[in-house]
Amino acid sequence: MTTAGAKALLTGLIDYAGLFPPAGLGMEESVADYAHQRQGPEAWMLGRYVVPAGRLVELERAAVGHLKDAGAGEPWRLSALLGADVAGDAAAATAFNDRNRGCAVVDAVELKASTAAEVDRSLPVLPAGLTVFVELPLDGHLQGLLGALRAGGARAKVRTGGVVSGAIPDPADLAGFLEACARAGVPFKATAGLHHAVRAERSLTYAPHSPRATLHGFLNVFAAAAFARAGVAAEGLEAVLREGEARAFAVDDAGIAWRGRRVSTAALHETRERFACSFGSCSFAEPVAELQGMGVVA
């Protein structure tokens, strides 16, 4: 039986990013997979479909039958990745929403910024009502960047991996990011490299003989986020992020625990609602299967 703590932690946690590496699915295949997962018993863990704004028309064509079916229930929720032309891509998202009312909605956008000035230039051109995530460099001036996000009502985004080992941030840097976001009161999402629940050495792609590296675990990251919101400093968060033993984590009706430190189910609800939003994964089935194998979900 799935516990109350698992429900609090995992509901809507996994944004589907099948278009992106290492899966790199075609549009029709990824649309069909997302539509299938929406109907499955684990759909309660499924978040938004992530798509580049420049491919929204392509998605619309590939998903036409699925979107018509969605009109009878909850519409698809999409997160659109904006490129260099922030205003133009945002306009494409607005046009998509106008064409697909009741069936699908871009209710979040994601963009990049390396300075507070870039944040200040980008946010005013976005339509009102969107949830905005801005990917930040971990080696940048986080305090100033987070201040600009908070002032503009935006959220942060952190890259937690990739298909090369150099894309994987050091746990100390990721811990510093979580602590800084918690102190600034800025919610965040994570992206890339979080296919697995607990930190371990894994293949970087699905290709035979793929290079391997130590990847972050999404259970590590979101447990650390809950502890960060509870006031744990970066050094303590780093220890959580470095944990490689699945049995060190417990998710039960009372909440989540790691080596004697615990966050309650109520606090987990608040953490997810107000701070640790989601993570993007090119596979939905893989993280779900790991959670099932660990007994975290039924």
C-alpha atoms as a PDB file:
ATOM      1  CA  MET A   1       0.000   0.000   0.000  1.00  0.00           C
ATOM      2  CA  THR A   2       1.298   3.454  -0.917  1.00  0.00           C
ATOM      3  CA  THR A   3       1.793   5.474   2.256  1.00  0.00           C
ATOM      4  CA  ALA A   4       0.628   9.015   2.995  1.00  0.00           C
ATOM      5  CA  GLY A   5       4.243  10.179   2.991  1.00  0.00           C
ATOM      6  CA  ALA A   6       4.809   8.713  -0.469  1.00  0.00           C
ATOM      7  CA  LYS A   7       1.664  10.422  -1.764  1.00  0.00           C
ATOM      8  CA  ALA A   8       2.827  13.742  -0.337  1.00  0.00           C
ATOM      9  CA  LEU A   9       6.285  13.379  -1.840  1.00  0.00           C
ATOM     10  CA  LEU A  10       5.471  11.920  -5.243  1.00  0.00           C
ATOM     11  CA  THR A  11       2.146  13.352  -6.431  1.00  0.00           C
ATOM     12  CA  GLY A  12       2.752  15.094  -9.768  1.00  0.00           C
ATOM     13  CA  LEU A  13       6.503  14.905  -9.203  1.00  0.00           C
ATOM     14  CA  ILE A  14       7.691  13.610 -12.601  1.00  0.00           C
ATOM     15  CA  ASP A  15       7.487  15.938 -15.590  1.00  0.00           C
ATOM     16  CA  TYR A  16       7.587  13.866 -18.779  1.00  0.00           C
ATOM     17  CA  ALA A  17      10.457  14.830 -21.095  1.00  0.00           C
ATOM     18  CA  GLY A  18      10.557  11.931 -23.546  1.00  0.00           C
ATOM     19  CA  LEU A  19      11.631  14.184 -26.411  1.00  0.00           C
ATOM     20  CA  PHE A  20      14.969  14.810 -24.744  1.00  0.00           C
ATOM     21  CA  PRO A  21      18.139  12.699 -24.311  1.00  0.00           C
ATOM     22  CA  PRO A  22      18.909  10.035 -23.476  1.00  0.00           C
ATOM     23  CA  ALA A  23      15.508   8.724 -24.643  1.00  0.00           C
ATOM     24  CA  GLY A  24      15.204  11.211 -27.516  1.00  0.00           C
ATOM     25  CA  LEU A  25      11.849   9.860 -28.684  1.00  0.00           C
ATOM     26  CA  GLY A  26      10.108  11.160 -31.769  1.00  0.00           C
ATOM     27  CA  MET A  27       7.107  13.398 -31.286  1.00  0.00           C
ATOM     28  CA  GLU A  28       4.471  10.776 -32.093  1.00  0.00           C
ATOM     29  CA  GLU A  29       6.103   8.152 -29.883  1.00  0.00           C
ATOM     30  CA  SER A  30       6.515  10.499 -26.930  1.00  0.00           C
ATOM     31  CA  VAL A  31       2.951  11.802 -27.258  1.00  0.00           C
ATOM     32  CA  ALA A  32       1.595   8.249 -27.329  1.00  0.00           C
ATOM     33  CA  ASP A  33       3.668   7.306 -24.284  1.00  0.00           C
ATOM     34  CA  TYR A  34       2.472  10.331 -22.293  1.00  0.00           C
ATOM     35  CA  ALA A  35      -1.145   9.652 -23.267  1.00  0.00           C
ATOM     36  CA  HIS A  36      -0.713   6.044 -22.149  1.00  0.00           C
ATOM     37  CA  GLN A  37       0.833   7.022 -18.816  1.00  0.00           C
ATOM     38  CA  ARG A  38      -2.010   9.466 -18.152  1.00  0.00           C
ATOM     39  CA  GLN A  39      -4.394   6.512 -18.170  1.00  0.00           C
ATOM     40  CA  GLY A  40      -2.270   4.213 -16.019  1.00  0.00           C
ATOM     41  CA  PRO A  41      -2.492   3.448 -12.302  1.00  0.00           C
ATOM     42  CA  GLU A  42       0.602   5.540 -11.572  1.00  0.00           C
ATOM     43  CA  ALA A  43      -0.741   8.661 -13.314  1.00  0.00           C
ATOM     44  CA  TRP A  44      -0.971  10.424  -9.937  1.00  0.00           C
ATOM     45  CA  MET A  45       2.832  10.786 -10.060  1.00  0.00           C
ATOM     46  CA  LEU A  46       2.819  12.282 -13.577  1.00  0.00           C
ATOM     47  CA  GLY A  47       3.368  15.993 -14.097  1.00  0.00           C
ATOM     48  CA  ARG A  48       3.561  18.168 -17.181  1.00  0.00           C
ATOM     49  CA  TYR A  49       4.644  17.210 -20.705  1.00  0.00           C
ATOM     50  CA  VAL A  50       7.828  19.161 -21.515  1.00  0.00           C
ATOM     51  CA  VAL A  51       8.213  20.451 -25.074  1.00  0.00           C
ATOM     52  CA  PRO A  52      10.238  23.165 -26.826  1.00  0.00           C
ATOM     53  CA  ALA A  53       7.985  26.075 -27.733  1.00  0.00           C
ATOM     54  CA  GLY A  54       9.210  25.789 -31.312  1.00  0.00           C
ATOM     55  CA  ARG A  55       7.675  22.288 -31.532  1.00  0.00           C
ATOM     56  CA  LEU A  56       4.211  23.109 -30.178  1.00  0.00           C
ATOM     57  CA  VAL A  57       2.614  22.992 -33.630  1.00  0.00           C
ATOM     58  CA  GLU A  58       4.283  19.630 -34.280  1.00  0.00           C
ATOM     59  CA  LEU A  59       2.960  18.349 -30.948  1.00  0.00           C
ATOM     60  CA  GLU A  60      -0.520  19.619 -31.776  1.00  0.00           C
ATOM     61  CA  ARG A  61      -0.558  17.672 -35.027  1.00  0.00           C
ATOM     62  CA  ALA A  62       0.832  14.477 -33.468  1.00  0.00           C
ATOM     63  CA  ALA A  63      -1.540  14.614 -30.491  1.00  0.00           C
ATOM     64  CA  VAL A  64      -4.747  15.690 -32.177  1.00  0.00           C
ATOM     65  CA  GLY A  65      -6.646  12.498 -31.313  1.00  0.00           C
ATOM     66  CA  HIS A  66      -5.307  12.385 -27.774  1.00  0.00           C
ATOM     67  CA  LEU A  67      -6.120  16.037 -27.154  1.00  0.00           C
ATOM     68  CA  LYS A  68      -9.699  15.586 -28.350  1.00  0.00           C
ATOM     69  CA  ASP A  69     -10.052  12.721 -25.882  1.00  0.00           C
ATOM     70  CA  ALA A  70      -8.575  14.920 -23.155  1.00  0.00           C
ATOM     71  CA  GLY A  71     -11.368  17.412 -23.728  1.00  0.00           C
ATOM     72  CA  ALA A  72     -13.679  15.061 -21.841  1.00  0.00           C
ATOM     73  CA  GLY A  73     -11.417  15.104 -18.778  1.00  0.00           C
ATOM     74  CA  GLU A  74      -8.455  16.990 -17.390  1.00  0.00           C
ATOM     75  CA  PRO A  75      -6.559  18.865 -20.132  1.00  0.00           C
ATOM     76  CA  TRP A  76      -2.933  18.094 -20.831  1.00  0.00           C
ATOM     77  CA  ARG A  77      -0.639  20.427 -18.909  1.00  0.00           C
ATOM     78  CA  LEU A  78       2.475  21.448 -20.808  1.00  0.00           C
ATOM     79  CA  SER A  79       5.713  23.180 -19.928  1.00  0.00           C
ATOM     80  CA  ALA A  80       7.210  24.986 -22.923  1.00  0.00           C
ATOM     81  CA  LEU A  81      10.959  25.555 -23.192  1.00  0.00           C
ATOM     82  CA  LEU A  82      11.671  29.052 -24.453  1.00  0.00           C
ATOM     83  CA  GLY A  83      14.703  29.815 -26.600  1.00  0.00           C
ATOM     84  CA  ALA A  84      16.574  33.021 -27.385  1.00  0.00           C
ATOM     85  CA  ASP A  85      13.421  34.714 -28.699  1.00  0.00           C
ATOM     86  CA  VAL A  86      11.601  34.685 -25.375  1.00  0.00           C
ATOM     87  CA  ALA A  87       8.742  36.925 -26.491  1.00  0.00           C
ATOM     88  CA  GLY A  88       8.219  35.033 -29.756  1.00  0.00           C
ATOM     89  CA  ASP A  89       8.208  31.652 -28.065  1.00  0.00           C
ATOM     90  CA  ALA A  90       5.826  32.917 -25.386  1.00  0.00           C
ATOM     91  CA  ALA A  91       3.515  34.139 -28.131  1.00  0.00           C
ATOM     92  CA  ALA A  92       3.596  30.672 -29.712  1.00  0.00           C
ATOM     93  CA  ALA A  93       2.535  29.204 -26.371  1.00  0.00           C
ATOM     94  CA  THR A  94      -0.340  31.676 -26.104  1.00  0.00           C
ATOM     95  CA  ALA A  95      -1.491  30.825 -29.624  1.00  0.00           C
ATOM     96  CA  PHE A  96      -1.340  27.114 -28.815  1.00  0.00           C
ATOM     97  CA  ASN A  97      -3.518  27.698 -25.749  1.00  0.00           C
ATOM     98  CA  ASP A  98      -6.049  29.648 -27.795  1.00  0.00           C
ATOM     99  CA  ARG A  99      -6.347  26.790 -30.283  1.00  0.00           C
ATOM    100  CA  ASN A 100      -6.641  24.020 -27.693  1.00  0.00           C
ATOM    101  CA  ARG A 101      -8.870  25.386 -24.959  1.00  0.00           C
ATOM    102  CA  GLY A 102     -10.189  22.638 -22.715  1.00  0.00           C
ATOM    103  CA  CYS A 103      -7.839  20.044 -24.239  1.00  0.00           C
ATOM    104  CA  ALA A 104      -4.332  21.259 -23.467  1.00  0.00           C
ATOM    105  CA  VAL A 105      -2.704  24.233 -21.808  1.00  0.00           C
ATOM    106  CA  VAL A 106       0.826  25.556 -21.600  1.00  0.00           C
ATOM    107  CA  ASP A 107       0.685  26.700 -17.998  1.00  0.00           C
ATOM    108  CA  ALA A 108       4.439  26.752 -17.391  1.00  0.00           C
ATOM    109  CA  VAL A 109       7.485  27.947 -19.311  1.00  0.00           C
ATOM    110  CA  GLU A 110      11.181  27.330 -18.816  1.00  0.00           C
ATOM    111  CA  LEU A 111      14.053  29.548 -19.907  1.00  0.00           C
ATOM    112  CA  LYS A 112      17.692  30.194 -19.052  1.00  0.00           C
ATOM    113  CA  ALA A 113      19.454  33.171 -17.524  1.00  0.00           C
ATOM    114  CA  SER A 114      22.976  33.631 -16.237  1.00  0.00           C
ATOM    115  CA  THR A 115      22.609  37.122 -14.759  1.00  0.00           C
ATOM    116  CA  ALA A 116      20.000  39.076 -12.849  1.00  0.00           C
ATOM    117  CA  ALA A 117      19.852  41.518 -15.774  1.00  0.00           C
ATOM    118  CA  GLU A 118      18.810  38.688 -18.104  1.00  0.00           C
ATOM    119  CA  VAL A 119      16.074  37.718 -15.666  1.00  0.00           C
ATOM    120  CA  ASP A 120      14.871  41.311 -15.496  1.00  0.00           C
ATOM    121  CA  ARG A 121      14.729  41.537 -19.306  1.00  0.00           C
ATOM    122  CA  SER A 122      12.914  38.256 -19.835  1.00  0.00           C
ATOM    123  CA  LEU A 123      10.184  38.169 -17.205  1.00  0.00           C
ATOM    124  CA  PRO A 124       8.270  41.318 -18.258  1.00  0.00           C
ATOM    125  CA  VAL A 125       7.641  39.983 -21.795  1.00  0.00           C
ATOM    126  CA  LEU A 126       5.913  36.824 -20.558  1.00  0.00           C
ATOM    127  CA  PRO A 127       2.114  36.596 -20.412  1.00  0.00           C
ATOM    128  CA  ALA A 128       0.545  36.806 -16.981  1.00  0.00           C
ATOM    129  CA  GLY A 129      -0.586  33.641 -15.255  1.00  0.00           C
ATOM    130  CA  LEU A 130       2.269  31.352 -16.301  1.00  0.00           C
ATOM    131  CA  THR A 131       4.444  29.446 -13.872  1.00  0.00           C
ATOM    132  CA  VAL A 132       7.966  30.477 -14.876  1.00  0.00           C
ATOM    133  CA  PHE A 133      11.108  28.424 -14.224  1.00  0.00           C
ATOM    134  CA  VAL A 134      14.505  29.964 -14.955  1.00  0.00           C
ATOM    135  CA  GLU A 135      17.499  27.647 -15.255  1.00  0.00           C
ATOM    136  CA  LEU A 136      20.411  29.080 -13.306  1.00  0.00           C
ATOM    137  CA  PRO A 137      24.127  28.275 -13.462  1.00  0.00           C
ATOM    138  CA  LEU A 138      25.411  26.777 -10.230  1.00  0.00           C
ATOM    139  CA  ASP A 139      28.652  28.690 -10.619  1.00  0.00           C
ATOM    140  CA  GLY A 140      26.858  32.020 -11.019  1.00  0.00           C
ATOM    141  CA  HIS A 141      25.930  34.687  -8.498  1.00  0.00           C
ATOM    142  CA  LEU A 142      23.038  32.755  -6.988  1.00  0.00           C
ATOM    143  CA  GLN A 143      22.021  35.317  -4.406  1.00  0.00           C
ATOM    144  CA  GLY A 144      21.486  38.028  -7.024  1.00  0.00           C
ATOM    145  CA  LEU A 145      19.796  35.652  -9.458  1.00  0.00           C
ATOM    146  CA  LEU A 146      17.423  34.304  -6.833  1.00  0.00           C
ATOM    147  CA  GLY A 147      16.631  37.824  -5.697  1.00  0.00           C
ATOM    148  CA  ALA A 148      15.653  38.725  -9.252  1.00  0.00           C
ATOM    149  CA  LEU A 149      13.468  35.619  -9.536  1.00  0.00           C
ATOM    150  CA  ARG A 150      11.729  36.345  -6.257  1.00  0.00           C
ATOM    151  CA  ALA A 151      11.104  39.957  -7.251  1.00  0.00           C
ATOM    152  CA  GLY A 152       9.635  38.803 -10.558  1.00  0.00           C
ATOM    153  CA  GLY A 153       7.536  35.982  -9.108  1.00  0.00           C
ATOM    154  CA  ALA A 154       9.536  33.312 -10.969  1.00  0.00           C
ATOM    155  CA  ARG A 155      10.992  29.992  -9.871  1.00  0.00           C
ATOM    156  CA  ALA A 156      14.427  28.448 -10.268  1.00  0.00           C
ATOM    157  CA  LYS A 157      15.488  25.445 -12.304  1.00  0.00           C
ATOM    158  CA  VAL A 158      18.614  23.384 -11.718  1.00  0.00           C
ATOM    159  CA  ARG A 159      20.311  20.946 -14.083  1.00  0.00           C
ATOM    160  CA  THR A 160      21.166  17.808 -12.152  1.00  0.00           C
ATOM    161  CA  GLY A 161      22.752  15.689 -14.885  1.00  0.00           C
ATOM    162  CA  GLY A 162      23.068  14.945 -18.567  1.00  0.00           C
ATOM    163  CA  VAL A 163      24.486  12.471 -21.065  1.00  0.00           C
ATOM    164  CA  VAL A 164      28.104  13.390 -20.266  1.00  0.00           C
ATOM    165  CA  SER A 165      29.715  13.179 -16.854  1.00  0.00           C
ATOM    166  CA  GLY A 166      30.658  16.851 -16.911  1.00  0.00           C
ATOM    167  CA  ALA A 167      26.972  17.794 -16.829  1.00  0.00           C
ATOM    168  CA  ILE A 168      26.509  16.250 -13.379  1.00  0.00           C
ATOM    169  CA  PRO A 169      26.902  18.861 -10.625  1.00  0.00           C
ATOM    170  CA  ASP A 170      28.958  18.127  -7.551  1.00  0.00           C
ATOM    171  CA  PRO A 171      26.790  17.352  -4.507  1.00  0.00           C
ATOM    172  CA  ALA A 172      28.316  20.310  -2.660  1.00  0.00           C
ATOM    173  CA  ASP A 173      27.203  22.698  -5.412  1.00  0.00           C
ATOM    174  CA  LEU A 174      23.718  21.195  -5.555  1.00  0.00           C
ATOM    175  CA  ALA A 175      23.447  21.396  -1.770  1.00  0.00           C
ATOM    176  CA  GLY A 176      24.415  25.059  -1.923  1.00  0.00           C
ATOM    177  CA  PHE A 177      21.714  25.668  -4.511  1.00  0.00           C
ATOM    178  CA  LEU A 178      19.042  24.010  -2.340  1.00  0.00           C
ATOM    179  CA  GLU A 179      20.098  25.967   0.717  1.00  0.00           C
ATOM    180  CA  ALA A 180      20.148  29.246  -1.237  1.00  0.00           C
ATOM    181  CA  CYS A 181      16.680  28.630  -2.702  1.00  0.00           C
ATOM    182  CA  ALA A 182      15.274  27.782   0.727  1.00  0.00           C
ATOM    183  CA  ARG A 183      16.754  30.903   2.289  1.00  0.00           C
ATOM    184  CA  ALA A 184      15.514  33.094  -0.579  1.00  0.00           C
ATOM    185  CA  GLY A 185      12.050  31.522  -0.539  1.00  0.00           C
ATOM    186  CA  VAL A 186      12.299  30.635  -4.245  1.00  0.00           C
ATOM    187  CA  PRO A 187      10.706  27.353  -5.421  1.00  0.00           C
ATOM    188  CA  PHE A 188      12.598  25.204  -7.907  1.00  0.00           C
ATOM    189  CA  LYS A 189      12.400  22.275 -10.290  1.00  0.00           C
ATOM    190  CA  ALA A 190      15.187  19.931 -11.376  1.00  0.00           C
ATOM    191  CA  THR A 191      15.979  18.547 -14.792  1.00  0.00           C
ATOM    192  CA  ALA A 192      18.129  15.816 -16.343  1.00  0.00           C
ATOM    193  CA  GLY A 193      19.877  12.839 -14.838  1.00  0.00           C
ATOM    194  CA  LEU A 194      17.282  11.878 -12.229  1.00  0.00           C
ATOM    195  CA  HIS A 195      15.988   8.601 -13.675  1.00  0.00           C
ATOM    196  CA  HIS A 196      16.972   6.698 -10.558  1.00  0.00           C
ATOM    197  CA  ALA A 197      15.697   6.980  -7.017  1.00  0.00           C
ATOM    198  CA  VAL A 198      19.001   6.800  -5.138  1.00  0.00           C
ATOM    199  CA  ARG A 199      22.499   7.992  -6.002  1.00  0.00           C
ATOM    200  CA  ALA A 200      24.572   5.305  -7.750  1.00  0.00           C
ATOM    201  CA  GLU A 201      26.898   4.658 -10.658  1.00  0.00           C
ATOM    202  CA  ARG A 202      24.795   4.230 -13.792  1.00  0.00           C
ATOM    203  CA  SER A 203      25.034   4.330 -17.577  1.00  0.00           C
ATOM    204  CA  LEU A 204      24.749   7.844 -18.975  1.00  0.00           C
ATOM    205  CA  THR A 205      22.640   6.755 -21.969  1.00  0.00           C
ATOM    206  CA  TYR A 206      20.644   3.733 -23.107  1.00  0.00           C
ATOM    207  CA  ALA A 207      23.227   2.855 -25.749  1.00  0.00           C
ATOM    208  CA  PRO A 208      25.183  -0.405 -25.418  1.00  0.00           C
ATOM    209  CA  HIS A 209      28.536   0.132 -23.682  1.00  0.00           C
ATOM    210  CA  SER A 210      27.503   3.632 -22.634  1.00  0.00           C
ATOM    211  CA  PRO A 211      29.946   5.535 -20.430  1.00  0.00           C
ATOM    212  CA  ARG A 212      29.047   5.387 -16.744  1.00  0.00           C
ATOM    213  CA  ALA A 213      29.093   7.962 -13.971  1.00  0.00           C
ATOM    214  CA  THR A 214      27.666   8.491 -10.504  1.00  0.00           C
ATOM    215  CA  LEU A 215      24.219  10.011 -10.941  1.00  0.00           C
ATOM    216  CA  HIS A 216      22.116  11.894  -8.425  1.00  0.00           C
ATOM    217  CA  GLY A 217      18.989  10.172  -7.124  1.00  0.00           C
ATOM    218  CA  PHE A 218      15.652  11.964  -7.165  1.00  0.00           C
ATOM    219  CA  LEU A 219      14.840  10.628  -3.705  1.00  0.00           C
ATOM    220  CA  ASN A 220      18.100  12.166  -2.462  1.00  0.00           C
ATOM    221  CA  VAL A 221      17.332  15.506  -4.109  1.00  0.00           C
ATOM    222  CA  PHE A 222      13.771  15.860  -2.866  1.00  0.00           C
ATOM    223  CA  ALA A 223      14.545  14.574   0.617  1.00  0.00           C
ATOM    224  CA  ALA A 224      17.358  17.127   0.767  1.00  0.00           C
ATOM    225  CA  ALA A 225      14.934  19.810  -0.441  1.00  0.00           C
ATOM    226  CA  ALA A 226      12.533  18.970   2.382  1.00  0.00           C
ATOM    227  CA  PHE A 227      15.387  19.190   4.876  1.00  0.00           C
ATOM    228  CA  ALA A 228      16.566  22.478   3.345  1.00  0.00           C
ATOM    229  CA  ARG A 229      13.121  23.958   3.844  1.00  0.00           C
ATOM    230  CA  ALA A 230      13.286  22.749   7.453  1.00  0.00           C
ATOM    231  CA  GLY A 231      16.476  24.773   7.935  1.00  0.00           C
ATOM    232  CA  VAL A 232      19.237  22.202   7.422  1.00  0.00           C
ATOM    233  CA  ALA A 233      22.439  23.863   6.174  1.00  0.00           C
ATOM    234  CA  ALA A 234      24.314  22.946   3.009  1.00  0.00           C
ATOM    235  CA  GLU A 235      26.772  20.601   4.742  1.00  0.00           C
ATOM    236  CA  GLY A 236      23.924  18.441   6.020  1.00  0.00           C
ATOM    237  CA  LEU A 237      22.163  18.540   2.651  1.00  0.00           C
ATOM    238  CA  GLU A 238      25.329  17.396   0.916  1.00  0.00           C
ATOM    239  CA  ALA A 239      25.378  14.293   3.106  1.00  0.00           C
ATOM    240  CA  VAL A 240      21.824  13.457   1.995  1.00  0.00           C
ATOM    241  CA  LEU A 241      22.734  13.994  -1.652  1.00  0.00           C
ATOM    242  CA  ARG A 242      25.758  11.682  -1.329  1.00  0.00           C
ATOM    243  CA  GLU A 243      23.745   8.853   0.214  1.00  0.00           C
ATOM    244  CA  GLY A 244      23.993   5.661  -1.834  1.00  0.00           C
ATOM    245  CA  GLU A 245      22.081   3.245   0.378  1.00  0.00           C
ATOM    246  CA  ALA A 246      18.399   2.959  -0.483  1.00  0.00           C
ATOM    247  CA  ARG A 247      17.657   1.522   2.961  1.00  0.00           C
ATOM    248  CA  ALA A 248      18.861   4.774   4.547  1.00  0.00           C
ATOM    249  CA  PHE A 249      15.604   6.374   3.351  1.00  0.00           C
ATOM    250  CA  ALA A 250      12.176   5.556   4.759  1.00  0.00           C
ATOM    251  CA  VAL A 251       8.928   6.913   3.337  1.00  0.00           C
ATOM    252  CA  ASP A 252       5.909   6.033   5.448  1.00  0.00           C
ATOM    253  CA  ASP A 253       2.648   7.462   6.725  1.00  0.00           C
ATOM    254  CA  ALA A 254       4.545   9.780   9.068  1.00  0.00           C
ATOM    255  CA  GLY A 255       6.677  11.353   6.305  1.00  0.00           C
ATOM    256  CA  ILE A 256      10.229  10.820   5.081  1.00  0.00           C
ATOM    257  CA  ALA A 257      13.257   9.919   7.157  1.00  0.00           C
ATOM    258  CA  TRP A 258      16.975   9.654   6.462  1.00  0.00           C
ATOM    259  CA  ARG A 259      19.419   8.338   9.066  1.00  0.00           C
ATOM    260  CA  GLY A 260      17.439   9.660  12.030  1.00  0.00           C
ATOM    261  CA  ARG A 261      16.387  12.971  10.481  1.00  0.00           C
ATOM    262  CA  ARG A 262      12.674  13.221   9.638  1.00  0.00           C
ATOM    263  CA  VAL A 263      10.236  15.541   7.864  1.00  0.00           C
ATOM    264  CA  SER A 264       6.537  15.032   8.523  1.00  0.00           C
ATOM    265  CA  THR A 265       3.928  14.258   5.899  1.00  0.00           C
ATOM    266  CA  ALA A 266       2.350  17.680   6.437  1.00  0.00           C
ATOM    267  CA  ALA A 267       5.730  19.343   5.880  1.00  0.00           C
ATOM    268  CA  LEU A 268       6.245  17.234   2.748  1.00  0.00           C
ATOM    269  CA  HIS A 269       2.928  18.498   1.377  1.00  0.00           C
ATOM    270  CA  GLU A 270       4.063  22.073   1.973  1.00  0.00           C
ATOM    271  CA  THR A 271       7.505  21.391   0.519  1.00  0.00           C
ATOM    272  CA  ARG A 272       6.001  20.125  -2.720  1.00  0.00           C
ATOM    273  CA  GLU A 273       3.391  22.872  -2.937  1.00  0.00           C
ATOM    274  CA  ARG A 274       5.668  25.774  -2.087  1.00  0.00           C
ATOM    275  CA  PHE A 275       9.255  24.778  -2.746  1.00  0.00           C
ATOM    276  CA  ALA A 276      10.304  21.552  -4.522  1.00  0.00           C
ATOM    277  CA  CYS A 277       8.039  21.464  -7.565  1.00  0.00           C
ATOM    278  CA  SER A 278       9.053  18.593  -9.860  1.00  0.00           C
ATOM    279  CA  PHE A 279      11.799  17.047 -11.912  1.00  0.00           C
ATOM    280  CA  GLY A 280      11.979  16.388 -15.637  1.00  0.00           C
ATOM    281  CA  SER A 281      12.697  12.843 -16.805  1.00  0.00           C
ATOM    282  CA  CYS A 282      12.803  11.407 -20.321  1.00  0.00           C
ATOM    283  CA  SER A 283      11.284   8.243 -18.840  1.00  0.00           C
ATOM    284  CA  PHE A 284       8.263   7.983 -16.577  1.00  0.00           C
ATOM    285  CA  ALA A 285       8.238   4.193 -16.365  1.00  0.00           C
ATOM    286  CA  GLU A 286      11.827   3.903 -15.127  1.00  0.00           C
ATOM    287  CA  PRO A 287      11.561   5.972 -11.926  1.00  0.00           C
ATOM    288  CA  VAL A 288       8.159   4.471 -11.169  1.00  0.00           C
ATOM    289  CA  ALA A 289       9.544   0.944 -11.500  1.00  0.00           C
ATOM    290  CA  GLU A 290      12.404   1.792  -9.114  1.00  0.00           C
ATOM    291  CA  LEU A 291       9.972   3.158  -6.537  1.00  0.00           C
ATOM    292  CA  GLN A 292       7.913   0.010  -6.832  1.00  0.00           C
ATOM    293  CA  GLY A 293      11.009  -2.151  -6.464  1.00  0.00           C
ATOM    294  CA  MET A 294      11.918  -0.291  -3.287  1.00  0.00           C
ATOM    295  CA  GLY A 295       8.401  -0.702  -1.916  1.00  0.00           C
ATOM    296  CA  VAL A 296       7.869   3.063  -1.758  1.00  0.00           C
ATOM    297  CA  VAL A 297       4.750   2.756  -3.947  1.00  0.00           C
ATOM    298  CA  ALA A 298       2.512  -0.258  -4.385  1.00  0.00           C
END
